[in-house]
Amino acid sequence: MRVQFEFTAEELFDASRRLAAHWKRDETFRWQTAAAFASIAALTAFFLADGAAIRRLVFGTVGGLLGALLGWLLGPQRYRKVLRAESRRAFAQMQSPVCAVALDPVELRIEQDETATLHPWHTVTEIVEYPDCFGIYTRHRYGVIVQDNAFANREERNRFVTTVRERIAATRR
């Protein structure tokens, strides 16, 4: 069983966003942004404050807390901006915005830009259905998002999803 579909730069961004959310990469980025903002704000406040060491420590601590809050609030926006830029860059470098997903008997085969990526079924961990697509994920932090419009009808889509579920279940026996 095989499905082939074209995708746009926006669909590539959406797929990247869903994959990142699945592995909580967006939350990791948020924490990193908060930590970076906190460090910069704390050091800046500490060195700009004048007076006794205790006063400088208080200013540094308050600055760090405010920086962490700001980083925590701005982290998701910054992450989406970085992810969108990377998706656009990747899309511009592609020879052809076509992806094919094949359900071979021994492996999941993903073809894109004349490159095939093979994932034996024992490495495929789950399939997650979303309102307009589904994602197939592996234990190696890899995945593919297949939009519903890749299928001629709902029955074909359901047959594809069922086959994936059966292959995953067969490896667990």
Protein backbone atom coordinates (compact mmCIF):
# COMPACT_ATOMS: atom_id res chain seq x y z
CA MET A 1 0.00 0.00 0.00
CA ARG A 2 1.41 3.39 -0.99
CA VAL A 3 0.30 7.00 -0.99
CA GLN A 4 1.98 9.92 -2.71
CA PHE A 5 1.19 13.59 -2.17
CA GLU A 6 2.49 17.07 -2.83
CA PHE A 7 2.83 19.58 -0.03
CA THR A 8 3.22 23.32 0.33
CA ALA A 9 5.67 25.29 2.47
CA GLU A 10 2.84 25.94 4.94
CA GLU A 11 2.03 22.21 5.18
CA LEU A 12 5.73 21.51 5.78
CA PHE A 13 5.69 24.04 8.63
CA ASP A 14 2.53 22.47 10.05
CA ALA A 15 4.09 18.99 9.88
CA SER A 16 7.27 20.26 11.57
CA ARG A 17 5.19 21.91 14.30
CA ARG A 18 3.21 18.71 14.94
CA LEU A 19 6.35 16.56 15.03
CA ALA A 20 8.04 18.97 17.43
CA ALA A 21 4.98 19.05 19.68
CA HIS A 22 4.81 15.25 19.69
CA TRP A 23 8.32 15.02 21.14
CA LYS A 24 7.89 18.11 23.35
CA ARG A 25 10.66 19.98 21.53
CA ASP A 26 8.62 23.16 21.75
CA GLU A 27 8.54 22.91 25.56
CA THR A 28 12.29 22.30 25.69
CA PHE A 29 12.85 25.38 23.55
CA ARG A 30 10.58 27.38 25.87
CA TRP A 31 12.63 26.39 28.92
CA GLN A 32 15.88 27.19 27.11
CA THR A 33 14.57 30.61 26.12
CA ALA A 34 13.46 31.34 29.70
CA ALA A 35 16.85 30.27 31.07
CA ALA A 36 18.74 32.40 28.54
CA PHE A 37 16.60 35.47 29.23
CA ALA A 38 16.91 34.95 32.99
CA SER A 39 20.69 34.67 32.83
CA ILE A 40 21.11 37.77 30.70
CA ALA A 41 18.67 39.82 32.80
CA ALA A 42 20.19 38.68 36.11
CA LEU A 43 23.74 39.48 35.08
CA THR A 44 22.76 42.82 33.58
CA ALA A 45 20.81 43.85 36.69
CA PHE A 46 23.59 42.67 39.00
CA PHE A 47 26.32 44.62 37.20
CA LEU A 48 24.24 47.78 36.64
CA ALA A 49 23.06 48.02 40.25
CA ASP A 50 25.19 50.16 42.49
CA GLY A 51 25.64 49.86 46.21
CA ALA A 52 26.22 46.99 48.56
CA ALA A 53 26.58 43.39 47.42
CA ILE A 54 23.22 42.42 48.95
CA ARG A 55 21.48 45.15 46.98
CA ARG A 56 23.16 43.95 43.78
CA LEU A 57 22.08 40.36 44.54
CA VAL A 58 18.47 41.48 45.05
CA PHE A 59 18.49 43.42 41.78
CA GLY A 60 20.10 40.45 40.02
CA THR A 61 17.51 38.06 41.41
CA VAL A 62 14.58 40.31 40.49
CA GLY A 63 16.07 40.88 37.04
CA GLY A 64 16.52 37.13 36.59
CA LEU A 65 12.93 36.41 37.59
CA LEU A 66 11.60 39.06 35.22
CA GLY A 67 13.85 37.75 32.46
CA ALA A 68 12.64 34.19 33.04
CA LEU A 69 9.02 35.34 32.88
CA LEU A 70 9.65 37.27 29.68
CA GLY A 71 11.51 34.30 28.15
CA TRP A 72 8.71 31.93 29.16
CA LEU A 73 6.09 34.17 27.53
CA LEU A 74 8.08 34.86 24.35
CA GLY A 75 9.42 31.31 23.93
CA PRO A 76 6.50 29.87 21.89
CA GLN A 77 6.44 32.83 19.49
CA ARG A 78 10.19 32.65 19.03
CA TYR A 79 10.02 28.89 18.47
CA ARG A 80 7.32 29.21 15.79
CA LYS A 81 9.36 31.94 14.09
CA VAL A 82 12.50 29.79 14.03
CA LEU A 83 10.54 26.72 12.89
CA ARG A 84 8.78 28.65 10.12
CA ALA A 85 12.11 30.05 8.86
CA GLU A 86 13.68 26.57 8.88
CA SER A 87 10.65 25.12 7.05
CA ARG A 88 10.85 27.81 4.37
CA ARG A 89 14.59 27.24 3.97
CA ALA A 90 14.11 23.47 3.70
CA PHE A 91 11.22 23.88 1.24
CA ALA A 92 13.29 26.20 -0.97
CA GLN A 93 16.10 23.64 -1.12
CA MET A 94 13.83 20.77 -2.15
CA GLN A 95 13.94 19.54 -5.71
CA SER A 96 10.33 18.44 -5.59
CA PRO A 97 7.72 18.94 -2.85
CA VAL A 98 6.42 15.38 -3.18
CA CYS A 99 6.38 12.74 -0.48
CA ALA A 100 5.50 9.07 -0.80
CA VAL A 101 4.74 6.77 2.11
CA ALA A 102 4.73 3.03 1.42
CA LEU A 103 3.69 0.28 3.79
CA ASP A 104 6.01 -2.53 2.75
CA PRO A 105 5.65 -5.88 4.54
CA VAL A 106 8.89 -5.44 6.54
CA GLU A 107 9.25 -1.67 6.74
CA LEU A 108 7.72 1.77 6.52
CA ARG A 109 9.22 3.48 3.48
CA ILE A 110 9.24 7.27 3.14
CA GLU A 111 10.44 8.76 -0.14
CA GLN A 112 11.17 12.44 -0.60
CA ASP A 113 13.57 14.32 -2.86
CA GLU A 114 14.77 11.09 -4.48
CA THR A 115 15.79 9.73 -1.07
CA ALA A 116 14.15 6.78 0.62
CA THR A 117 14.13 6.44 4.39
CA LEU A 118 13.38 2.94 5.62
CA HIS A 119 12.01 2.17 9.08
CA PRO A 120 11.58 -1.49 10.04
CA TRP A 121 8.16 -2.02 11.59
CA HIS A 122 9.63 -2.85 15.01
CA THR A 123 10.95 0.76 15.19
CA VAL A 124 7.55 2.33 14.44
CA THR A 125 6.00 3.17 17.79
CA GLU A 126 2.62 4.73 17.09
CA ILE A 127 0.19 6.38 14.76
CA VAL A 128 -1.65 9.46 16.00
CA GLU A 129 -4.76 10.74 14.28
CA TYR A 130 -5.44 14.47 14.10
CA PRO A 131 -8.55 16.18 12.68
CA ASP A 132 -7.00 16.75 9.23
CA CYS A 133 -4.09 14.30 9.09
CA PHE A 134 -2.26 11.55 10.94
CA GLY A 135 1.30 11.12 12.12
CA ILE A 136 3.39 7.96 12.08
CA TYR A 137 6.22 8.06 14.64
CA THR A 138 9.31 5.93 15.24
CA ARG A 139 11.39 5.36 18.34
CA HIS A 140 14.29 7.18 16.65
CA ARG A 141 12.44 10.51 16.95
CA TYR A 142 11.42 10.44 13.32
CA GLY A 143 7.98 10.74 11.88
CA VAL A 144 5.88 11.59 8.89
CA ILE A 145 2.65 13.55 8.75
CA VAL A 146 0.20 12.47 6.06
CA GLN A 147 -2.55 14.94 5.20
CA ASP A 148 -6.06 13.59 4.63
CA ASN A 149 -6.16 15.16 1.17
CA ALA A 150 -3.52 12.61 0.07
CA PHE A 151 -6.29 10.03 -0.18
CA ALA A 152 -9.09 9.76 -2.73
CA ASN A 153 -11.68 9.18 0.00
CA ARG A 154 -12.15 8.49 3.71
CA GLU A 155 -12.33 4.73 3.18
CA GLU A 156 -8.89 4.65 1.54
CA ARG A 157 -7.48 6.72 4.42
CA ASN A 158 -9.02 4.43 7.03
CA ARG A 159 -7.64 1.34 5.25
CA PHE A 160 -4.15 2.90 5.28
CA VAL A 161 -4.37 3.78 9.00
CA THR A 162 -5.68 0.30 9.83
CA THR A 163 -2.80 -1.32 7.95
CA VAL A 164 -0.28 0.78 9.89
CA ARG A 165 -1.93 -0.16 13.20
CA GLU A 166 -1.90 -3.86 12.25
CA ARG A 167 1.79 -3.76 11.31
CA ILE A 168 2.69 -2.02 14.58
CA ALA A 169 0.62 -4.52 16.57
CA ALA A 170 2.22 -7.49 14.75
CA THR A 171 5.68 -6.39 15.93
CA ARG A 172 4.52 -6.32 19.55
CA ARG A 173 3.45 -9.96 19.63
